[in-house]
Amino acid sequence: MKIKQLSYLISAVGVLVGILVSVRMGALAIAVALGFFVAPDIRGMRTIEKIIPVALIVALITIALALPRR
């Protein structure tokens, strides 16, 4: 299985987990999927193309940490 296909699978699972179980775990799963999706192409990207995915990953992790625990 290719890394990008794996990232699609992880993101779909993350969305389902976010809807059904825990938004926190869903956000973390989507952040991991985004990291896997961007990782193979990171060396060929320009600086601005690297900043946007990294900012999204940081935002998803921040959301996961900021949510209250139950």
N, C-alpha and C. Protein backbone atom coordinates (compact mmCIF):
# COMPACT_ATOMS: atom_id res chain seq x y z
N MET A 1 0.85 -1.18 0.00
CA MET A 1 0.00 0.00 0.00
C MET A 1 0.90 1.24 0.00
N LYS A 2 0.57 2.17 -0.86
CA LYS A 2 1.37 3.38 -0.95
C LYS A 2 1.08 4.28 0.25
N ILE A 3 2.01 5.18 0.51
CA ILE A 3 1.87 6.08 1.66
C ILE A 3 0.67 7.01 1.48
N LYS A 4 0.45 7.51 0.29
CA LYS A 4 -0.68 8.43 0.08
C LYS A 4 -2.01 7.71 0.24
N GLN A 5 -2.09 6.46 -0.22
CA GLN A 5 -3.30 5.69 -0.01
C GLN A 5 -3.52 5.41 1.47
N LEU A 6 -2.43 5.15 2.19
CA LEU A 6 -2.52 4.94 3.63
C LEU A 6 -3.00 6.21 4.32
N SER A 7 -2.54 7.35 3.85
CA SER A 7 -2.98 8.61 4.45
C SER A 7 -4.47 8.86 4.21
N TYR A 8 -4.97 8.47 3.03
CA TYR A 8 -6.42 8.58 2.78
C TYR A 8 -7.20 7.70 3.74
N LEU A 9 -6.72 6.49 3.96
CA LEU A 9 -7.39 5.57 4.87
C LEU A 9 -7.38 6.11 6.30
N ILE A 10 -6.23 6.60 6.74
CA ILE A 10 -6.13 7.15 8.10
C ILE A 10 -7.03 8.37 8.26
N SER A 11 -7.09 9.22 7.23
CA SER A 11 -7.94 10.41 7.35
C SER A 11 -9.42 10.03 7.38
N ALA A 12 -9.82 9.02 6.60
CA ALA A 12 -11.22 8.57 6.64
C ALA A 12 -11.56 8.00 8.01
N VAL A 13 -10.65 7.21 8.56
CA VAL A 13 -10.85 6.67 9.90
C VAL A 13 -10.89 7.80 10.92
N GLY A 14 -10.03 8.80 10.75
CA GLY A 14 -10.01 9.94 11.66
C GLY A 14 -11.31 10.73 11.64
N VAL A 15 -11.88 10.90 10.46
CA VAL A 15 -13.16 11.60 10.37
C VAL A 15 -14.25 10.79 11.06
N LEU A 16 -14.28 9.49 10.81
CA LEU A 16 -15.28 8.64 11.46
C LEU A 16 -15.11 8.62 12.97
N VAL A 17 -13.87 8.52 13.44
CA VAL A 17 -13.62 8.54 14.88
C VAL A 17 -14.03 9.89 15.46
N GLY A 18 -13.74 10.96 14.74
CA GLY A 18 -14.12 12.29 15.20
C GLY A 18 -15.62 12.46 15.31
N ILE A 19 -16.36 11.85 14.40
CA ILE A 19 -17.82 11.96 14.42
C ILE A 19 -18.42 11.06 15.50
N LEU A 20 -17.94 9.84 15.57
CA LEU A 20 -18.59 8.85 16.42
C LEU A 20 -18.05 8.76 17.84
N VAL A 21 -16.76 8.96 18.04
CA VAL A 21 -16.17 8.68 19.34
C VAL A 21 -15.59 9.92 20.01
N SER A 22 -14.54 10.47 19.42
CA SER A 22 -13.80 11.55 20.07
C SER A 22 -13.24 12.51 19.04
N VAL A 23 -13.59 13.77 19.17
CA VAL A 23 -13.07 14.78 18.25
C VAL A 23 -11.56 14.90 18.42
N ARG A 24 -11.09 14.76 19.64
CA ARG A 24 -9.65 14.85 19.92
C ARG A 24 -8.87 13.80 19.14
N MET A 25 -9.29 12.55 19.23
CA MET A 25 -8.59 11.47 18.53
C MET A 25 -8.75 11.62 17.01
N GLY A 26 -9.89 12.09 16.56
CA GLY A 26 -10.09 12.33 15.14
C GLY A 26 -9.14 13.39 14.60
N ALA A 27 -8.98 14.48 15.36
CA ALA A 27 -8.07 15.55 14.93
C ALA A 27 -6.63 15.05 14.88
N LEU A 28 -6.24 14.25 15.85
CA LEU A 28 -4.87 13.71 15.84
C LEU A 28 -4.67 12.74 14.67
N ALA A 29 -5.68 11.93 14.38
CA ALA A 29 -5.57 11.00 13.25
C ALA A 29 -5.47 11.76 11.93
N ILE A 30 -6.23 12.82 11.78
CA ILE A 30 -6.16 13.61 10.55
C ILE A 30 -4.81 14.31 10.44
N ALA A 31 -4.25 14.77 11.56
CA ALA A 31 -2.92 15.39 11.54
C ALA A 31 -1.86 14.39 11.11
N VAL A 32 -1.96 13.16 11.60
CA VAL A 32 -1.01 12.11 11.20
C VAL A 32 -1.17 11.80 9.72
N ALA A 33 -2.41 11.72 9.25
CA ALA A 33 -2.65 11.44 7.84
C ALA A 33 -2.09 12.54 6.95
N LEU A 34 -2.25 13.78 7.37
CA LEU A 34 -1.71 14.90 6.60
C LEU A 34 -0.18 14.84 6.57
N GLY A 35 0.42 14.46 7.69
CA GLY A 35 1.87 14.30 7.73
C GLY A 35 2.35 13.22 6.77
N PHE A 36 1.64 12.08 6.75
CA PHE A 36 1.99 11.01 5.82
C PHE A 36 1.79 11.43 4.37
N PHE A 37 0.75 12.22 4.11
CA PHE A 37 0.45 12.65 2.75
C PHE A 37 1.53 13.59 2.21
N VAL A 38 2.04 14.46 3.06
CA VAL A 38 3.00 15.47 2.62
C VAL A 38 4.44 14.95 2.65
N ALA A 39 4.72 13.97 3.49
CA ALA A 39 6.09 13.51 3.71
C ALA A 39 6.86 13.11 2.45
N PRO A 40 6.30 12.36 1.52
CA PRO A 40 7.10 11.95 0.35
C PRO A 40 7.54 13.12 -0.54
N ASP A 41 6.79 14.20 -0.56
CA ASP A 41 7.08 15.31 -1.47
C ASP A 41 7.72 16.51 -0.78
N ILE A 42 8.06 16.41 0.47
CA ILE A 42 8.48 17.58 1.25
C ILE A 42 9.79 18.19 0.73
N ARG A 43 10.69 17.39 0.24
CA ARG A 43 11.97 17.92 -0.23
C ARG A 43 11.83 18.74 -1.51
N GLY A 44 10.88 18.40 -2.35
CA GLY A 44 10.70 19.11 -3.61
C GLY A 44 9.82 20.34 -3.52
N MET A 45 9.27 20.60 -2.36
CA MET A 45 8.36 21.73 -2.20
C MET A 45 9.11 23.02 -1.92
N ARG A 46 8.48 24.12 -2.35
CA ARG A 46 9.03 25.43 -1.98
C ARG A 46 8.66 25.71 -0.53
N THR A 47 9.23 26.75 0.02
CA THR A 47 9.02 27.07 1.43
C THR A 47 7.56 27.31 1.76
N ILE A 48 6.86 28.08 0.95
CA ILE A 48 5.45 28.38 1.23
C ILE A 48 4.61 27.11 1.12
N GLU A 49 4.99 26.20 0.25
CA GLU A 49 4.26 24.94 0.12
C GLU A 49 4.49 24.03 1.32
N LYS A 50 5.56 24.24 2.04
CA LYS A 50 5.83 23.47 3.26
C LYS A 50 5.11 24.07 4.47
N ILE A 51 4.98 25.39 4.48
CA ILE A 51 4.43 26.07 5.65
C ILE A 51 2.94 25.75 5.84
N ILE A 52 2.18 25.71 4.76
CA ILE A 52 0.74 25.52 4.87
C ILE A 52 0.39 24.15 5.48
N PRO A 53 0.94 23.03 5.00
CA PRO A 53 0.62 21.76 5.64
C PRO A 53 1.11 21.68 7.10
N VAL A 54 2.27 22.25 7.36
CA VAL A 54 2.78 22.23 8.74
C VAL A 54 1.88 23.06 9.64
N ALA A 55 1.39 24.18 9.15
CA ALA A 55 0.46 25.01 9.94
C ALA A 55 -0.84 24.26 10.20
N LEU A 56 -1.33 23.52 9.22
CA LEU A 56 -2.54 22.73 9.42
C LEU A 56 -2.33 21.62 10.45
N ILE A 57 -1.17 20.97 10.39
CA ILE A 57 -0.87 19.92 11.37
C ILE A 57 -0.80 20.51 12.77
N VAL A 58 -0.12 21.64 12.91
CA VAL A 58 -0.02 22.29 14.22
C VAL A 58 -1.40 22.72 14.71
N ALA A 59 -2.24 23.23 13.82
CA ALA A 59 -3.59 23.66 14.21
C ALA A 59 -4.43 22.47 14.67
N LEU A 60 -4.34 21.34 13.98
CA LEU A 60 -5.10 20.16 14.39
C LEU A 60 -4.63 19.64 15.75
N ILE A 61 -3.34 19.64 15.98
CA ILE A 61 -2.82 19.20 17.27
C ILE A 61 -3.23 20.17 18.37
N THR A 62 -3.22 21.46 18.08
CA THR A 62 -3.65 22.48 19.05
C THR A 62 -5.13 22.30 19.40
N ILE A 63 -5.93 22.02 18.38
CA ILE A 63 -7.36 21.78 18.64
C ILE A 63 -7.53 20.55 19.55
N ALA A 64 -6.77 19.50 19.25
CA ALA A 64 -6.88 18.29 20.05
C ALA A 64 -6.46 18.54 21.50
N LEU A 65 -5.45 19.35 21.70
CA LEU A 65 -5.00 19.63 23.07
C LEU A 65 -5.90 20.62 23.80
N ALA A 66 -6.54 21.51 23.05
CA ALA A 66 -7.38 22.53 23.68
C ALA A 66 -8.75 22.02 24.08
N LEU A 67 -9.19 20.93 23.50
CA LEU A 67 -10.52 20.42 23.84
C LEU A 67 -10.53 19.91 25.28
N PRO A 68 -11.65 20.13 25.97
CA PRO A 68 -11.72 19.64 27.35
C PRO A 68 -11.83 18.13 27.40
N ARG A 69 -11.25 17.55 28.44
CA ARG A 69 -11.35 16.10 28.63
C ARG A 69 -12.63 15.79 29.38
N ARG A 70 -13.15 14.63 29.11
CA ARG A 70 -14.37 14.20 29.81
C ARG A 70 -14.06 13.12 30.79
